[in-house]
N, C-alpha and C. Protein backbone atom coordinates (compact mmCIF):
# COMPACT_ATOMS: atom_id res chain seq x y z
N MET A 1 -58.17 64.93 -92.97
CA MET A 1 -57.72 64.24 -91.78
C MET A 1 -56.23 63.98 -91.93
N SER A 2 -55.47 64.22 -90.90
CA SER A 2 -54.02 64.05 -90.98
C SER A 2 -53.66 62.57 -91.10
N VAL A 3 -52.48 62.32 -91.63
CA VAL A 3 -51.99 60.95 -91.77
C VAL A 3 -51.86 60.31 -90.40
N LEU A 4 -51.35 61.06 -89.42
CA LEU A 4 -51.20 60.50 -88.09
C LEU A 4 -52.54 60.14 -87.47
N LYS A 5 -53.54 60.98 -87.67
CA LYS A 5 -54.87 60.67 -87.13
C LYS A 5 -55.43 59.43 -87.82
N ARG A 6 -55.26 59.33 -89.17
CA ARG A 6 -55.73 58.14 -89.89
C ARG A 6 -55.02 56.90 -89.39
N ALA A 7 -53.71 56.99 -89.16
CA ALA A 7 -52.96 55.84 -88.66
C ALA A 7 -53.51 55.40 -87.31
N GLY A 8 -53.88 56.37 -86.45
CA GLY A 8 -54.48 56.04 -85.16
C GLY A 8 -55.81 55.35 -85.32
N LEU A 9 -56.62 55.82 -86.28
CA LEU A 9 -57.92 55.19 -86.53
C LEU A 9 -57.74 53.77 -87.04
N VAL A 10 -56.76 53.56 -87.90
CA VAL A 10 -56.49 52.21 -88.41
C VAL A 10 -56.07 51.31 -87.27
N ALA A 11 -55.19 51.80 -86.40
CA ALA A 11 -54.76 50.98 -85.27
C ALA A 11 -55.94 50.62 -84.38
N THR A 12 -56.85 51.57 -84.16
CA THR A 12 -58.04 51.31 -83.38
C THR A 12 -58.92 50.26 -84.06
N ALA A 13 -59.09 50.39 -85.37
CA ALA A 13 -59.91 49.44 -86.11
C ALA A 13 -59.30 48.05 -86.06
N VAL A 14 -57.98 47.96 -86.18
CA VAL A 14 -57.32 46.66 -86.13
C VAL A 14 -57.50 46.03 -84.77
N ALA A 15 -57.40 46.83 -83.71
CA ALA A 15 -57.56 46.30 -82.37
C ALA A 15 -58.96 45.75 -82.16
N ALA A 16 -59.95 46.27 -82.89
CA ALA A 16 -61.33 45.83 -82.73
C ALA A 16 -61.67 44.60 -83.58
N LEU A 17 -60.77 44.19 -84.47
CA LEU A 17 -61.06 43.04 -85.34
C LEU A 17 -61.11 41.75 -84.54
N VAL A 18 -61.99 40.87 -84.93
CA VAL A 18 -62.01 39.52 -84.40
C VAL A 18 -61.29 38.68 -85.43
N VAL A 19 -60.18 38.09 -85.04
CA VAL A 19 -59.30 37.40 -85.98
C VAL A 19 -59.23 35.92 -85.62
N PRO A 20 -59.38 35.04 -86.64
CA PRO A 20 -59.26 33.62 -86.37
C PRO A 20 -57.87 33.26 -85.87
N ALA A 21 -57.76 32.19 -85.11
CA ALA A 21 -56.47 31.73 -84.61
C ALA A 21 -55.52 31.48 -85.76
N GLY A 22 -54.27 31.83 -85.58
CA GLY A 22 -53.25 31.59 -86.60
C GLY A 22 -53.14 32.68 -87.64
N VAL A 23 -53.95 33.73 -87.55
CA VAL A 23 -53.89 34.83 -88.51
C VAL A 23 -53.10 35.96 -87.88
N VAL A 24 -52.11 36.47 -88.59
CA VAL A 24 -51.29 37.58 -88.12
C VAL A 24 -51.82 38.86 -88.75
N VAL A 25 -52.10 39.87 -87.93
CA VAL A 25 -52.64 41.14 -88.42
C VAL A 25 -51.68 42.25 -88.04
N GLY A 26 -51.54 43.24 -88.93
CA GLY A 26 -50.71 44.39 -88.61
C GLY A 26 -51.12 45.57 -89.46
N THR A 27 -50.56 46.73 -89.12
CA THR A 27 -50.77 47.90 -89.95
C THR A 27 -49.44 48.24 -90.59
N ALA A 28 -49.52 48.90 -91.74
CA ALA A 28 -48.30 49.30 -92.42
C ALA A 28 -47.50 50.24 -91.53
N GLY A 29 -48.19 51.07 -90.76
CA GLY A 29 -47.56 51.83 -89.71
C GLY A 29 -46.68 52.98 -90.15
N THR A 30 -46.72 53.36 -91.40
CA THR A 30 -45.89 54.48 -91.84
C THR A 30 -46.71 55.42 -92.69
N ALA A 31 -46.25 56.65 -92.80
CA ALA A 31 -46.91 57.61 -93.68
C ALA A 31 -46.80 57.17 -95.13
N ALA A 32 -45.77 56.37 -95.45
CA ALA A 32 -45.59 55.90 -96.83
C ALA A 32 -46.80 55.11 -97.29
N ALA A 33 -47.41 54.33 -96.39
CA ALA A 33 -48.58 53.54 -96.77
C ALA A 33 -49.74 54.44 -97.17
N ALA A 34 -49.86 55.57 -96.49
CA ALA A 34 -50.96 56.47 -96.77
C ALA A 34 -50.68 57.38 -97.96
N ALA A 35 -49.44 57.42 -98.41
CA ALA A 35 -49.06 58.38 -99.44
C ALA A 35 -48.71 57.75 -100.78
N GLY A 36 -48.51 56.46 -100.86
CA GLY A 36 -48.11 55.87 -102.12
C GLY A 36 -47.88 54.38 -102.02
N THR A 37 -47.01 53.90 -102.89
CA THR A 37 -46.68 52.48 -102.93
C THR A 37 -46.02 52.06 -101.62
N TYR A 38 -46.42 50.90 -101.11
CA TYR A 38 -45.82 50.34 -99.91
C TYR A 38 -45.58 48.87 -100.15
N GLN A 39 -44.35 48.43 -99.94
CA GLN A 39 -43.96 47.03 -100.16
C GLN A 39 -44.39 46.53 -101.54
N GLY A 40 -44.26 47.40 -102.52
CA GLY A 40 -44.58 47.05 -103.90
C GLY A 40 -46.05 47.11 -104.25
N CYS A 41 -46.90 47.44 -103.28
CA CYS A 41 -48.34 47.51 -103.52
C CYS A 41 -48.71 48.96 -103.82
N PRO A 42 -49.18 49.24 -105.03
CA PRO A 42 -49.52 50.62 -105.40
C PRO A 42 -50.66 51.18 -104.55
N TYR A 43 -50.58 52.48 -104.28
CA TYR A 43 -51.65 53.16 -103.57
C TYR A 43 -52.95 53.00 -104.36
N GLY A 44 -54.03 52.65 -103.68
CA GLY A 44 -55.31 52.45 -104.33
C GLY A 44 -55.59 50.99 -104.67
N ALA A 45 -54.67 50.08 -104.30
CA ALA A 45 -54.81 48.67 -104.67
C ALA A 45 -54.89 47.78 -103.44
N VAL A 46 -55.32 46.54 -103.67
CA VAL A 46 -55.22 45.45 -102.70
C VAL A 46 -54.25 44.46 -103.30
N CYS A 47 -53.27 44.03 -102.52
CA CYS A 47 -52.24 43.13 -103.02
C CYS A 47 -52.20 41.84 -102.23
N ILE A 48 -51.95 40.76 -102.94
CA ILE A 48 -51.73 39.45 -102.33
C ILE A 48 -50.31 39.05 -102.70
N TYR A 49 -49.57 38.57 -101.70
CA TYR A 49 -48.18 38.18 -101.88
C TYR A 49 -48.07 36.66 -101.97
N PRO A 50 -47.00 36.14 -102.56
CA PRO A 50 -46.88 34.69 -102.76
C PRO A 50 -46.91 33.90 -101.45
N GLN A 51 -47.21 32.64 -101.57
CA GLN A 51 -47.33 31.74 -100.43
C GLN A 51 -46.06 31.74 -99.58
N ASN A 52 -46.24 31.88 -98.27
CA ASN A 52 -45.17 31.82 -97.27
C ASN A 52 -44.01 32.76 -97.55
N ALA A 53 -44.28 33.91 -98.17
CA ALA A 53 -43.20 34.82 -98.56
C ALA A 53 -43.27 36.16 -97.83
N GLY A 54 -44.21 36.36 -96.91
CA GLY A 54 -44.33 37.67 -96.25
C GLY A 54 -44.51 38.76 -97.29
N TRP A 55 -43.69 39.80 -97.20
CA TRP A 55 -43.76 40.90 -98.17
C TRP A 55 -43.08 40.54 -99.49
N ASN A 56 -42.38 39.44 -99.56
CA ASN A 56 -41.73 38.96 -100.79
C ASN A 56 -40.83 40.03 -101.42
N GLY A 57 -40.10 40.75 -100.59
CA GLY A 57 -39.20 41.77 -101.11
C GLY A 57 -39.92 42.87 -101.88
N GLY A 58 -41.18 43.11 -101.55
CA GLY A 58 -41.94 44.16 -102.22
C GLY A 58 -42.48 43.77 -103.59
N HIS A 59 -42.72 42.46 -103.79
CA HIS A 59 -43.22 41.97 -105.08
C HIS A 59 -44.50 41.16 -104.88
N PRO A 60 -45.68 41.83 -104.91
CA PRO A 60 -46.93 41.07 -104.79
C PRO A 60 -47.14 40.18 -106.01
N SER A 61 -47.86 39.09 -105.81
CA SER A 61 -48.18 38.21 -106.94
C SER A 61 -49.50 38.59 -107.59
N LEU A 62 -50.40 39.23 -106.85
CA LEU A 62 -51.69 39.65 -107.38
C LEU A 62 -51.99 41.07 -106.91
N VAL A 63 -52.49 41.92 -107.82
CA VAL A 63 -52.82 43.31 -107.51
C VAL A 63 -54.21 43.60 -108.07
N TYR A 64 -55.09 44.13 -107.23
CA TYR A 64 -56.46 44.44 -107.62
C TYR A 64 -56.77 45.91 -107.36
N TYR A 65 -57.38 46.58 -108.34
CA TYR A 65 -57.72 47.99 -108.23
C TYR A 65 -59.22 48.26 -108.20
N SER A 66 -60.02 47.44 -108.85
CA SER A 66 -61.44 47.77 -109.04
C SER A 66 -62.31 47.18 -107.94
N TYR A 67 -63.36 47.94 -107.58
CA TYR A 67 -64.31 47.47 -106.59
C TYR A 67 -65.08 46.28 -107.14
N GLY A 68 -65.56 45.45 -106.24
CA GLY A 68 -66.33 44.28 -106.62
C GLY A 68 -65.59 43.00 -106.28
N ALA A 69 -66.17 41.89 -106.73
CA ALA A 69 -65.62 40.57 -106.45
C ALA A 69 -64.56 40.20 -107.48
N HIS A 70 -63.53 39.51 -107.00
CA HIS A 70 -62.46 39.00 -107.84
C HIS A 70 -62.22 37.55 -107.45
N ASN A 71 -62.47 36.63 -108.38
CA ASN A 71 -62.27 35.22 -108.11
C ASN A 71 -60.78 34.90 -108.13
N LEU A 72 -60.38 33.97 -107.26
CA LEU A 72 -58.98 33.55 -107.15
C LEU A 72 -58.82 32.14 -107.70
N SER A 73 -57.63 31.86 -108.20
CA SER A 73 -57.32 30.51 -108.68
C SER A 73 -55.97 30.09 -108.13
N ASN A 74 -55.87 28.85 -107.70
CA ASN A 74 -54.61 28.25 -107.27
C ASN A 74 -53.90 29.03 -106.18
N GLN A 75 -54.65 29.53 -105.22
CA GLN A 75 -54.06 30.22 -104.07
C GLN A 75 -54.26 29.33 -102.84
N PHE A 76 -53.20 28.66 -102.44
CA PHE A 76 -53.24 27.73 -101.32
C PHE A 76 -52.21 28.14 -100.28
N GLY A 77 -52.41 27.72 -99.03
CA GLY A 77 -51.47 28.02 -97.97
C GLY A 77 -51.55 29.47 -97.53
N THR A 78 -50.57 29.89 -96.75
CA THR A 78 -50.56 31.22 -96.15
C THR A 78 -50.02 32.27 -97.10
N HIS A 79 -50.81 33.32 -97.28
CA HIS A 79 -50.45 34.46 -98.12
C HIS A 79 -50.66 35.74 -97.30
N ARG A 80 -49.88 36.76 -97.59
CA ARG A 80 -50.12 38.08 -97.00
C ARG A 80 -51.04 38.85 -97.93
N ILE A 81 -52.06 39.49 -97.35
CA ILE A 81 -52.96 40.36 -98.10
C ILE A 81 -52.85 41.75 -97.48
N PHE A 82 -52.71 42.76 -98.32
CA PHE A 82 -52.51 44.13 -97.86
C PHE A 82 -53.51 45.05 -98.55
N ASN A 83 -54.25 45.81 -97.75
CA ASN A 83 -55.22 46.78 -98.28
C ASN A 83 -54.55 48.15 -98.33
N ASN A 84 -54.14 48.57 -99.50
CA ASN A 84 -53.52 49.89 -99.69
C ASN A 84 -54.47 50.80 -100.47
N GLN A 85 -55.79 50.59 -100.29
CA GLN A 85 -56.80 51.42 -100.96
C GLN A 85 -56.94 52.76 -100.25
N SER A 86 -57.64 53.65 -100.88
CA SER A 86 -57.85 54.99 -100.35
C SER A 86 -59.31 55.19 -99.95
N GLY A 87 -59.56 56.30 -99.27
CA GLY A 87 -60.93 56.73 -98.99
C GLY A 87 -61.75 55.80 -98.14
N GLY A 88 -61.11 55.01 -97.29
CA GLY A 88 -61.86 54.12 -96.40
C GLY A 88 -62.34 52.84 -97.06
N ALA A 89 -61.89 52.55 -98.28
CA ALA A 89 -62.30 51.32 -98.98
C ALA A 89 -61.77 50.09 -98.24
N THR A 90 -62.57 49.05 -98.19
CA THR A 90 -62.22 47.84 -97.46
C THR A 90 -62.08 46.65 -98.41
N VAL A 91 -61.52 45.58 -97.86
CA VAL A 91 -61.44 44.31 -98.59
C VAL A 91 -61.93 43.21 -97.66
N ARG A 92 -62.58 42.21 -98.26
CA ARG A 92 -63.04 41.04 -97.53
C ARG A 92 -62.59 39.79 -98.27
N VAL A 93 -62.23 38.75 -97.55
CA VAL A 93 -61.94 37.47 -98.18
C VAL A 93 -63.17 36.60 -98.07
N CYS A 94 -63.42 35.78 -99.11
CA CYS A 94 -64.67 35.05 -99.22
C CYS A 94 -64.41 33.59 -99.55
N THR A 95 -65.16 32.69 -98.94
CA THR A 95 -65.01 31.27 -99.22
C THR A 95 -65.69 30.87 -100.52
N GLY A 96 -66.69 31.61 -100.94
CA GLY A 96 -67.38 31.32 -102.19
C GLY A 96 -66.83 32.15 -103.34
N TYR A 97 -67.21 31.77 -104.54
CA TYR A 97 -66.83 32.55 -105.72
C TYR A 97 -67.75 33.78 -105.83
N ASN A 98 -67.32 34.76 -106.58
CA ASN A 98 -68.10 35.97 -106.86
C ASN A 98 -68.47 36.75 -105.61
N GLY A 99 -67.60 36.73 -104.59
CA GLY A 99 -67.82 37.53 -103.40
C GLY A 99 -68.92 37.03 -102.48
N THR A 100 -69.10 35.71 -102.39
CA THR A 100 -70.09 35.14 -101.46
C THR A 100 -69.37 34.47 -100.30
N GLY A 101 -70.05 34.40 -99.17
CA GLY A 101 -69.47 33.77 -97.98
C GLY A 101 -68.29 34.56 -97.43
N CYS A 102 -68.43 35.88 -97.39
CA CYS A 102 -67.32 36.75 -96.99
C CYS A 102 -67.23 36.92 -95.48
N GLY A 103 -66.01 37.12 -95.02
CA GLY A 103 -65.76 37.43 -93.61
C GLY A 103 -65.81 38.92 -93.39
N GLY A 104 -65.25 39.36 -92.27
CA GLY A 104 -65.25 40.76 -91.90
C GLY A 104 -64.38 41.62 -92.81
N THR A 105 -64.51 42.92 -92.66
CA THR A 105 -63.79 43.86 -93.51
C THR A 105 -62.39 44.15 -92.96
N THR A 106 -61.49 44.45 -93.86
CA THR A 106 -60.14 44.87 -93.51
C THR A 106 -59.99 46.31 -93.96
N PRO A 107 -59.69 47.23 -93.03
CA PRO A 107 -59.59 48.64 -93.37
C PRO A 107 -58.32 48.95 -94.17
N PRO A 108 -58.26 50.14 -94.76
CA PRO A 108 -57.06 50.55 -95.49
C PRO A 108 -55.82 50.54 -94.61
N TRP A 109 -54.68 50.33 -95.23
CA TRP A 109 -53.34 50.33 -94.62
C TRP A 109 -53.18 49.24 -93.59
N THR A 110 -53.88 48.12 -93.82
CA THR A 110 -53.81 46.97 -92.93
C THR A 110 -53.44 45.74 -93.74
N TYR A 111 -52.65 44.87 -93.13
CA TYR A 111 -52.31 43.60 -93.77
C TYR A 111 -52.51 42.47 -92.77
N TYR A 112 -52.63 41.27 -93.30
CA TYR A 112 -52.60 40.10 -92.45
C TYR A 112 -52.19 38.89 -93.27
N ASP A 113 -51.71 37.87 -92.55
CA ASP A 113 -51.32 36.60 -93.16
C ASP A 113 -52.45 35.61 -92.90
N ARG A 114 -52.85 34.91 -93.95
CA ARG A 114 -54.02 34.06 -93.83
C ARG A 114 -53.87 32.81 -94.71
N ASP A 115 -54.45 31.72 -94.26
CA ASP A 115 -54.51 30.51 -95.08
C ASP A 115 -55.55 30.73 -96.17
N PHE A 116 -55.10 30.77 -97.40
CA PHE A 116 -56.00 31.03 -98.53
C PHE A 116 -56.59 29.74 -99.11
N THR A 117 -56.28 28.59 -98.54
CA THR A 117 -56.80 27.34 -99.09
C THR A 117 -58.33 27.36 -99.21
N PRO A 118 -59.08 27.83 -98.19
CA PRO A 118 -60.54 27.84 -98.34
C PRO A 118 -61.08 29.11 -99.03
N ILE A 119 -60.20 30.04 -99.41
CA ILE A 119 -60.63 31.32 -99.97
C ILE A 119 -60.73 31.22 -101.49
N ASN A 120 -61.89 31.60 -102.06
CA ASN A 120 -62.09 31.51 -103.50
C ASN A 120 -62.30 32.86 -104.17
N SER A 121 -62.46 33.94 -103.38
CA SER A 121 -62.60 35.26 -103.96
C SER A 121 -62.27 36.31 -102.91
N ILE A 122 -62.06 37.54 -103.38
CA ILE A 122 -61.96 38.69 -102.49
C ILE A 122 -62.97 39.71 -102.98
N LEU A 123 -63.38 40.60 -102.06
CA LEU A 123 -64.38 41.60 -102.38
C LEU A 123 -63.85 42.97 -101.96
N LEU A 124 -63.65 43.86 -102.93
CA LEU A 124 -63.22 45.22 -102.65
C LEU A 124 -64.45 46.10 -102.60
N GLU A 125 -64.60 46.85 -101.50
CA GLU A 125 -65.79 47.65 -101.28
C GLU A 125 -65.44 49.07 -100.85
N ARG A 126 -66.35 50.00 -101.16
CA ARG A 126 -66.20 51.39 -100.68
C ARG A 126 -66.78 51.52 -99.32
């Protein structure tokens, strides 16, 4: 599938998301996101950026590569989360530890800003 077609599918998927008030959602919107590192987030990873820092000059504070649940510690306030995974892999944010109480999925090459105060884990899925 071409990069342009994938970008169109991502845009369609983002448009279909139900997003809580106050959450900013966007797509990386470039072929660079589909081809490699984008804003310091390596291809194949999910990245979380520091509190109230947006892209933080391309320096994520947390980077996750493996599928499954990842518990978070001391993540409060608004953080940007970016899914730069491949092959249609998604990420979910969860209020419980060990990937419980998860919300909807975020497709690849998508980011959003979210209050992480109630979030205790993320779940990377195929």
